[in-house]
Amino acid sequence: MELFSNLSDDQIALLGCATALVTTGTVMCLSYFIGRGRMQSSRVITTAPATSDLAQPMVGAAAEDSKHRSAA
């Protein structure tokens, strides 16, 4: 290609970096939308309770225990 023969080494390096940035940006956008689609479909199928709802009683009990220990 005659276009690349006229470019200096620095210009070819910059062109390669720009190509790498565009490629990685495209892959990032694709993975975001593909992952978002999978997350939405998994929410419809499974309705599991949030982990914070499950952990709340345990955290409360641990806090009460530590209050009693410090008061003693």
PDB file of N, CA and C in Angstrom:
ATOM      1  N   MET A   1       0.837  -1.176   0.000  1.00  0.00           N
ATOM      2  CA  MET A   1       0.000   0.000   0.000  1.00  0.00           C
ATOM      3  C   MET A   1       0.882   1.238   0.000  1.00  0.00           C
ATOM      4  N   GLU A   2       0.577   2.084  -0.900  1.00  0.00           N
ATOM      5  CA  GLU A   2       1.383   3.291  -1.054  1.00  0.00           C
ATOM      6  C   GLU A   2       1.168   4.279   0.087  1.00  0.00           C
ATOM      7  N   LEU A   3       0.006   4.222   0.713  1.00  0.00           N
ATOM      8  CA  LEU A   3      -0.297   5.148   1.811  1.00  0.00           C
ATOM      9  C   LEU A   3       0.658   4.929   2.981  1.00  0.00           C
ATOM     10  N   PHE A   4       0.923   3.680   3.324  1.00  0.00           N
ATOM     11  CA  PHE A   4       1.784   3.383   4.466  1.00  0.00           C
ATOM     12  C   PHE A   4       3.262   3.622   4.166  1.00  0.00           C
ATOM     13  N   SER A   5       3.645   3.583   2.907  1.00  0.00           N
ATOM     14  CA  SER A   5       5.055   3.821   2.574  1.00  0.00           C
ATOM     15  C   SER A   5       5.423   5.292   2.734  1.00  0.00           C
ATOM     16  N   ASN A   6       4.466   6.176   2.698  1.00  0.00           N
ATOM     17  CA  ASN A   6       4.734   7.598   2.852  1.00  0.00           C
ATOM     18  C   ASN A   6       4.735   8.033   4.317  1.00  0.00           C
ATOM     19  N   LEU A   7       4.296   7.176   5.235  1.00  0.00           N
ATOM     20  CA  LEU A   7       4.222   7.542   6.643  1.00  0.00           C
ATOM     21  C   LEU A   7       5.539   7.261   7.349  1.00  0.00           C
ATOM     22  N   SER A   8       5.854   8.097   8.326  1.00  0.00           N
ATOM     23  CA  SER A   8       7.056   7.847   9.132  1.00  0.00           C
ATOM     24  C   SER A   8       6.741   6.777  10.182  1.00  0.00           C
ATOM     25  N   ASP A   9       7.774   6.332  10.885  1.00  0.00           N
ATOM     26  CA  ASP A   9       7.583   5.314  11.919  1.00  0.00           C
ATOM     27  C   ASP A   9       6.662   5.814  13.026  1.00  0.00           C
ATOM     28  N   ASP A  10       6.820   7.063  13.421  1.00  0.00           N
ATOM     29  CA  ASP A  10       5.966   7.630  14.468  1.00  0.00           C
ATOM     30  C   ASP A  10       4.505   7.683  14.025  1.00  0.00           C
ATOM     31  N   GLN A  11       4.262   8.038  12.789  1.00  0.00           N
ATOM     32  CA  GLN A  11       2.893   8.109  12.286  1.00  0.00           C
ATOM     33  C   GLN A  11       2.258   6.725  12.209  1.00  0.00           C
ATOM     34  N   ILE A  12       3.036   5.728  11.849  1.00  0.00           N
ATOM     35  CA  ILE A  12       2.517   4.358  11.813  1.00  0.00           C
ATOM     36  C   ILE A  12       2.196   3.883  13.224  1.00  0.00           C
ATOM     37  N   ALA A  13       3.052   4.260  14.192  1.00  0.00           N
ATOM     38  CA  ALA A  13       2.794   3.890  15.586  1.00  0.00           C
ATOM     39  C   ALA A  13       1.517   4.564  16.086  1.00  0.00           C
ATOM     40  N   LEU A  14       1.333   5.835  15.758  1.00  0.00           N
ATOM     41  CA  LEU A  14       0.111   6.539  16.164  1.00  0.00           C
ATOM     42  C   LEU A  14      -1.126   5.927  15.510  1.00  0.00           C
ATOM     43  N   LEU A  15      -1.009   5.534  14.262  1.00  0.00           N
ATOM     44  CA  LEU A  15      -2.118   4.884  13.567  1.00  0.00           C
ATOM     45  C   LEU A  15      -2.457   3.547  14.227  1.00  0.00           C
ATOM     46  N   GLY A  16      -1.425   2.811  14.629  1.00  0.00           N
ATOM     47  CA  GLY A  16      -1.660   1.536  15.325  1.00  0.00           C
ATOM     48  C   GLY A  16      -2.326   1.754  16.680  1.00  0.00           C
ATOM     49  N   CYS A  17      -1.903   2.781  17.409  1.00  0.00           N
ATOM     50  CA  CYS A  17      -2.527   3.080  18.706  1.00  0.00           C
ATOM     51  C   CYS A  17      -3.985   3.492  18.530  1.00  0.00           C
ATOM     52  N   ALA A  18      -4.258   4.314  17.548  1.00  0.00           N
ATOM     53  CA  ALA A  18      -5.635   4.740  17.297  1.00  0.00           C
ATOM     54  C   ALA A  18      -6.505   3.544  16.925  1.00  0.00           C
ATOM     55  N   THR A  19      -5.968   2.637  16.119  1.00  0.00           N
ATOM     56  CA  THR A  19      -6.697   1.426  15.751  1.00  0.00           C
ATOM     57  C   THR A  19      -6.971   0.560  16.974  1.00  0.00           C
ATOM     58  N   ALA A  20      -5.981   0.449  17.857  1.00  0.00           N
ATOM     59  CA  ALA A  20      -6.163  -0.343  19.072  1.00  0.00           C
ATOM     60  C   ALA A  20      -7.233   0.283  19.974  1.00  0.00           C
ATOM     61  N   LEU A  21      -7.231   1.599  20.112  1.00  0.00           N
ATOM     62  CA  LEU A  21      -8.241   2.272  20.936  1.00  0.00           C
ATOM     63  C   LEU A  21      -9.651   2.086  20.378  1.00  0.00           C
ATOM     64  N   VAL A  22      -9.786   2.219  19.075  1.00  0.00           N
ATOM     65  CA  VAL A  22     -11.101   2.031  18.457  1.00  0.00           C
ATOM     66  C   VAL A  22     -11.567   0.595  18.618  1.00  0.00           C
ATOM     67  N   THR A  23     -10.663  -0.350  18.445  1.00  0.00           N
ATOM     68  CA  THR A  23     -11.017  -1.767  18.577  1.00  0.00           C
ATOM     69  C   THR A  23     -11.442  -2.094  20.000  1.00  0.00           C
ATOM     70  N   THR A  24     -10.670  -1.642  20.986  1.00  0.00           N
ATOM     71  CA  THR A  24     -11.020  -1.944  22.370  1.00  0.00           C
ATOM     72  C   THR A  24     -12.304  -1.240  22.791  1.00  0.00           C
ATOM     73  N   GLY A  25     -12.538  -0.034  22.294  1.00  0.00           N
ATOM     74  CA  GLY A  25     -13.796   0.655  22.581  1.00  0.00           C
ATOM     75  C   GLY A  25     -14.990  -0.091  22.004  1.00  0.00           C
ATOM     76  N   THR A  26     -14.827  -0.609  20.810  1.00  0.00           N
ATOM     77  CA  THR A  26     -15.905  -1.377  20.185  1.00  0.00           C
ATOM     78  C   THR A  26     -16.194  -2.652  20.969  1.00  0.00           C
ATOM     79  N   VAL A  27     -15.144  -3.355  21.377  1.00  0.00           N
ATOM     80  CA  VAL A  27     -15.331  -4.576  22.158  1.00  0.00           C
ATOM     81  C   VAL A  27     -15.973  -4.261  23.501  1.00  0.00           C
ATOM     82  N   MET A  28     -15.576  -3.149  24.122  1.00  0.00           N
ATOM     83  CA  MET A  28     -16.150  -2.752  25.403  1.00  0.00           C
ATOM     84  C   MET A  28     -17.648  -2.450  25.252  1.00  0.00           C
ATOM     85  N   CYS A  29     -18.019  -1.723  24.223  1.00  0.00           N
ATOM     86  CA  CYS A  29     -19.434  -1.423  23.996  1.00  0.00           C
ATOM     87  C   CYS A  29     -20.235  -2.695  23.734  1.00  0.00           C
ATOM     88  N   LEU A  30     -19.702  -3.575  22.915  1.00  0.00           N
ATOM     89  CA  LEU A  30     -20.396  -4.829  22.636  1.00  0.00           C
ATOM     90  C   LEU A  30     -20.565  -5.664  23.899  1.00  0.00           C
ATOM     91  N   SER A  31     -19.521  -5.772  24.713  1.00  0.00           N
ATOM     92  CA  SER A  31     -19.624  -6.580  25.923  1.00  0.00           C
ATOM     93  C   SER A  31     -20.583  -5.956  26.918  1.00  0.00           C
ATOM     94  N   TYR A  32     -20.663  -4.626  26.961  1.00  0.00           N
ATOM     95  CA  TYR A  32     -21.602  -3.966  27.856  1.00  0.00           C
ATOM     96  C   TYR A  32     -23.041  -4.303  27.464  1.00  0.00           C
ATOM     97  N   PHE A  33     -23.363  -4.172  26.184  1.00  0.00           N
ATOM     98  CA  PHE A  33     -24.734  -4.431  25.745  1.00  0.00           C
ATOM     99  C   PHE A  33     -25.077  -5.908  25.796  1.00  0.00           C
ATOM    100  N   ILE A  34     -24.122  -6.773  25.515  1.00  0.00           N
ATOM    101  CA  ILE A  34     -24.392  -8.207  25.613  1.00  0.00           C
ATOM    102  C   ILE A  34     -24.598  -8.592  27.074  1.00  0.00           C
ATOM    103  N   GLY A  35     -23.756  -8.084  27.961  1.00  0.00           N
ATOM    104  CA  GLY A  35     -23.900  -8.365  29.387  1.00  0.00           C
ATOM    105  C   GLY A  35     -25.186  -7.793  29.955  1.00  0.00           C
ATOM    106  N   ARG A  36     -25.574  -6.618  29.499  1.00  0.00           N
ATOM    107  CA  ARG A  36     -26.814  -5.996  29.955  1.00  0.00           C
ATOM    108  C   ARG A  36     -28.012  -6.828  29.530  1.00  0.00           C
ATOM    109  N   GLY A  37     -27.973  -7.365  28.336  1.00  0.00           N
ATOM    110  CA  GLY A  37     -29.062  -8.210  27.861  1.00  0.00           C
ATOM    111  C   GLY A  37     -29.163  -9.495  28.658  1.00  0.00           C
ATOM    112  N   ARG A  38     -28.010 -10.058  29.014  1.00  0.00           N
ATOM    113  CA  ARG A  38     -28.021 -11.291  29.820  1.00  0.00           C
ATOM    114  C   ARG A  38     -28.532 -11.010  31.225  1.00  0.00           C
ATOM    115  N   MET A  39     -28.176  -9.871  31.794  1.00  0.00           N
ATOM    116  CA  MET A  39     -28.622  -9.534  33.148  1.00  0.00           C
ATOM    117  C   MET A  39     -30.140  -9.331  33.176  1.00  0.00           C
ATOM    118  N   GLN A  40     -30.684  -8.690  32.150  1.00  0.00           N
ATOM    119  CA  GLN A  40     -32.124  -8.468  32.111  1.00  0.00           C
ATOM    120  C   GLN A  40     -32.872  -9.780  31.949  1.00  0.00           C
ATOM    121  N   SER A  41     -32.353 -10.696  31.143  1.00  0.00           N
ATOM    122  CA  SER A  41     -33.037 -11.971  30.961  1.00  0.00           C
ATOM    123  C   SER A  41     -32.932 -12.834  32.211  1.00  0.00           C
ATOM    124  N   SER A  42     -31.827 -12.717  32.962  1.00  0.00           N
ATOM    125  CA  SER A  42     -31.694 -13.517  34.183  1.00  0.00           C
ATOM    126  C   SER A  42     -32.577 -12.959  35.291  1.00  0.00           C
ATOM    127  N   ARG A  43     -32.866 -11.679  35.284  1.00  0.00           N
ATOM    128  CA  ARG A  43     -33.759 -11.101  36.288  1.00  0.00           C
ATOM    129  C   ARG A  43     -35.185 -11.597  36.101  1.00  0.00           C
ATOM    130  N   VAL A  44     -35.568 -11.794  34.871  1.00  0.00           N
ATOM    131  CA  VAL A  44     -36.919 -12.261  34.597  1.00  0.00           C
ATOM    132  C   VAL A  44     -37.079 -13.706  35.045  1.00  0.00           C
ATOM    133  N   ILE A  45     -36.061 -14.520  34.849  1.00  0.00           N
ATOM    134  CA  ILE A  45     -36.158 -15.940  35.144  1.00  0.00           C
ATOM    135  C   ILE A  45     -36.088 -16.198  36.649  1.00  0.00           C
ATOM    136  N   THR A  46     -35.101 -15.627  37.325  1.00  0.00           N
ATOM    137  CA  THR A  46     -34.933 -15.892  38.747  1.00  0.00           C
ATOM    138  C   THR A  46     -35.242 -14.639  39.554  1.00  0.00           C
ATOM    139  N   THR A  47     -35.930 -14.825  40.640  1.00  0.00           N
ATOM    140  CA  THR A  47     -36.204 -13.710  41.537  1.00  0.00           C
ATOM    141  C   THR A  47     -35.685 -14.081  42.917  1.00  0.00           C
ATOM    142  N   ALA A  48     -34.401 -13.990  43.095  1.00  0.00           N
ATOM    143  CA  ALA A  48     -33.764 -14.323  44.368  1.00  0.00           C
ATOM    144  C   ALA A  48     -33.785 -13.086  45.265  1.00  0.00           C
ATOM    145  N   PRO A  49     -33.913 -13.284  46.579  1.00  0.00           N
ATOM    146  CA  PRO A  49     -33.884 -12.126  47.472  1.00  0.00           C
ATOM    147  C   PRO A  49     -32.509 -11.492  47.491  1.00  0.00           C
ATOM    148  N   ALA A  50     -32.467 -10.216  47.768  1.00  0.00           N
ATOM    149  CA  ALA A  50     -31.193  -9.510  47.822  1.00  0.00           C
ATOM    150  C   ALA A  50     -30.366 -10.010  48.997  1.00  0.00           C
ATOM    151  N   THR A  51     -29.070 -10.026  48.843  1.00  0.00           N
ATOM    152  CA  THR A  51     -28.212 -10.522  49.912  1.00  0.00           C
ATOM    153  C   THR A  51     -28.248  -9.611  51.124  1.00  0.00           C
ATOM    154  N   SER A  52     -28.500  -8.332  50.916  1.00  0.00           N
ATOM    155  CA  SER A  52     -28.559  -7.434  52.068  1.00  0.00           C
ATOM    156  C   SER A  52     -29.767  -7.760  52.941  1.00  0.00           C
ATOM    157  N   ASP A  53     -30.854  -8.241  52.335  1.00  0.00           N
ATOM    158  CA  ASP A  53     -32.021  -8.641  53.114  1.00  0.00           C
ATOM    159  C   ASP A  53     -31.724  -9.876  53.956  1.00  0.00           C
ATOM    160  N   LEU A  54     -30.903 -10.772  53.433  1.00  0.00           N
ATOM    161  CA  LEU A  54     -30.548 -11.982  54.168  1.00  0.00           C
ATOM    162  C   LEU A  54     -29.533 -11.691  55.267  1.00  0.00           C
ATOM    163  N   ALA A  55     -28.646 -10.745  55.042  1.00  0.00           N
ATOM    164  CA  ALA A  55     -27.577 -10.470  55.990  1.00  0.00           C
ATOM    165  C   ALA A  55     -28.006  -9.546  57.119  1.00  0.00           C
ATOM    166  N   GLN A  56     -29.084  -8.817  56.937  1.00  0.00           N
ATOM    167  CA  GLN A  56     -29.501  -7.821  57.927  1.00  0.00           C
ATOM    168  C   GLN A  56     -29.715  -8.414  59.322  1.00  0.00           C
ATOM    169  N   PRO A  57     -30.427  -9.526  59.504  1.00  0.00           N
ATOM    170  CA  PRO A  57     -30.587 -10.065  60.858  1.00  0.00           C
ATOM    171  C   PRO A  57     -29.264 -10.501  61.486  1.00  0.00           C
ATOM    172  N   MET A  58     -28.357 -11.056  60.685  1.00  0.00           N
ATOM    173  CA  MET A  58     -27.062 -11.489  61.211  1.00  0.00           C
ATOM    174  C   MET A  58     -26.234 -10.302  61.674  1.00  0.00           C
ATOM    175  N   VAL A  59     -26.249  -9.231  60.905  1.00  0.00           N
ATOM    176  CA  VAL A  59     -25.484  -8.041  61.262  1.00  0.00           C
ATOM    177  C   VAL A  59     -26.067  -7.421  62.529  1.00  0.00           C
ATOM    178  N   GLY A  60     -27.397  -7.394  62.627  1.00  0.00           N
ATOM    179  CA  GLY A  60     -28.038  -6.852  63.823  1.00  0.00           C
ATOM    180  C   GLY A  60     -27.688  -7.658  65.062  1.00  0.00           C
ATOM    181  N   ALA A  61     -27.678  -8.972  64.936  1.00  0.00           N
ATOM    182  CA  ALA A  61     -27.345  -9.830  66.077  1.00  0.00           C
ATOM    183  C   ALA A  61     -25.889  -9.636  66.485  1.00  0.00           C
ATOM    184  N   ALA A  62     -24.992  -9.510  65.527  1.00  0.00           N
ATOM    185  CA  ALA A  62     -23.582  -9.289  65.842  1.00  0.00           C
ATOM    186  C   ALA A  62     -23.385  -7.940  66.519  1.00  0.00           C
ATOM    187  N   ALA A  63     -24.126  -6.931  66.096  1.00  0.00           N
ATOM    188  CA  ALA A  63     -24.019  -5.611  66.716  1.00  0.00           C
ATOM    189  C   ALA A  63     -24.509  -5.659  68.155  1.00  0.00           C
ATOM    190  N   GLU A  64     -25.596  -6.366  68.400  1.00  0.00           N
ATOM    191  CA  GLU A  64     -26.105  -6.493  69.765  1.00  0.00           C
ATOM    192  C   GLU A  64     -25.124  -7.228  70.658  1.00  0.00           C
ATOM    193  N   ASP A  65     -24.502  -8.274  70.125  1.00  0.00           N
ATOM    194  CA  ASP A  65     -23.499  -9.025  70.905  1.00  0.00           C
ATOM    195  C   ASP A  65     -22.328  -8.136  71.283  1.00  0.00           C
ATOM    196  N   SER A  66     -21.865  -7.317  70.343  1.00  0.00           N
ATOM    197  CA  SER A  66     -20.717  -6.465  70.642  1.00  0.00           C
ATOM    198  C   SER A  66     -21.089  -5.376  71.642  1.00  0.00           C
ATOM    199  N   LYS A  67     -22.345  -4.913  71.637  1.00  0.00           N
ATOM    200  CA  LYS A  67     -22.788  -3.940  72.637  1.00  0.00           C
ATOM    201  C   LYS A  67     -22.756  -4.557  74.025  1.00  0.00           C
ATOM    202  N   HIS A  68     -23.242  -5.799  74.121  1.00  0.00           N
ATOM    203  CA  HIS A  68     -23.288  -6.470  75.415  1.00  0.00           C
ATOM    204  C   HIS A  68     -21.872  -6.760  75.928  1.00  0.00           C
ATOM    205  N   ARG A  69     -20.956  -7.103  75.032  1.00  0.00           N
ATOM    206  CA  ARG A  69     -19.577  -7.384  75.446  1.00  0.00           C
ATOM    207  C   ARG A  69     -18.890  -6.127  75.955  1.00  0.00           C
ATOM    208  N   SER A  70     -19.117  -5.003  75.266  1.00  0.00           N
ATOM    209  CA  SER A  70     -18.451  -3.779  75.689  1.00  0.00           C
ATOM    210  C   SER A  70     -19.044  -3.235  76.987  1.00  0.00           C
ATOM    211  N   ALA A  71     -20.317  -3.513  77.268  1.00  0.00           N
ATOM    212  CA  ALA A  71     -20.945  -3.044  78.487  1.00  0.00           C
ATOM    213  C   ALA A  71     -20.501  -3.876  79.685  1.00  0.00           C
ATOM    214  N   ALA A  72     -20.111  -5.108  79.475  1.00  0.00           N
ATOM    215  CA  ALA A  72     -19.735  -5.993  80.586  1.00  0.00           C
ATOM    216  C   ALA A  72     -18.359  -5.733  81.121  1.00  0.00           C
TER     217      ALA A  72
END
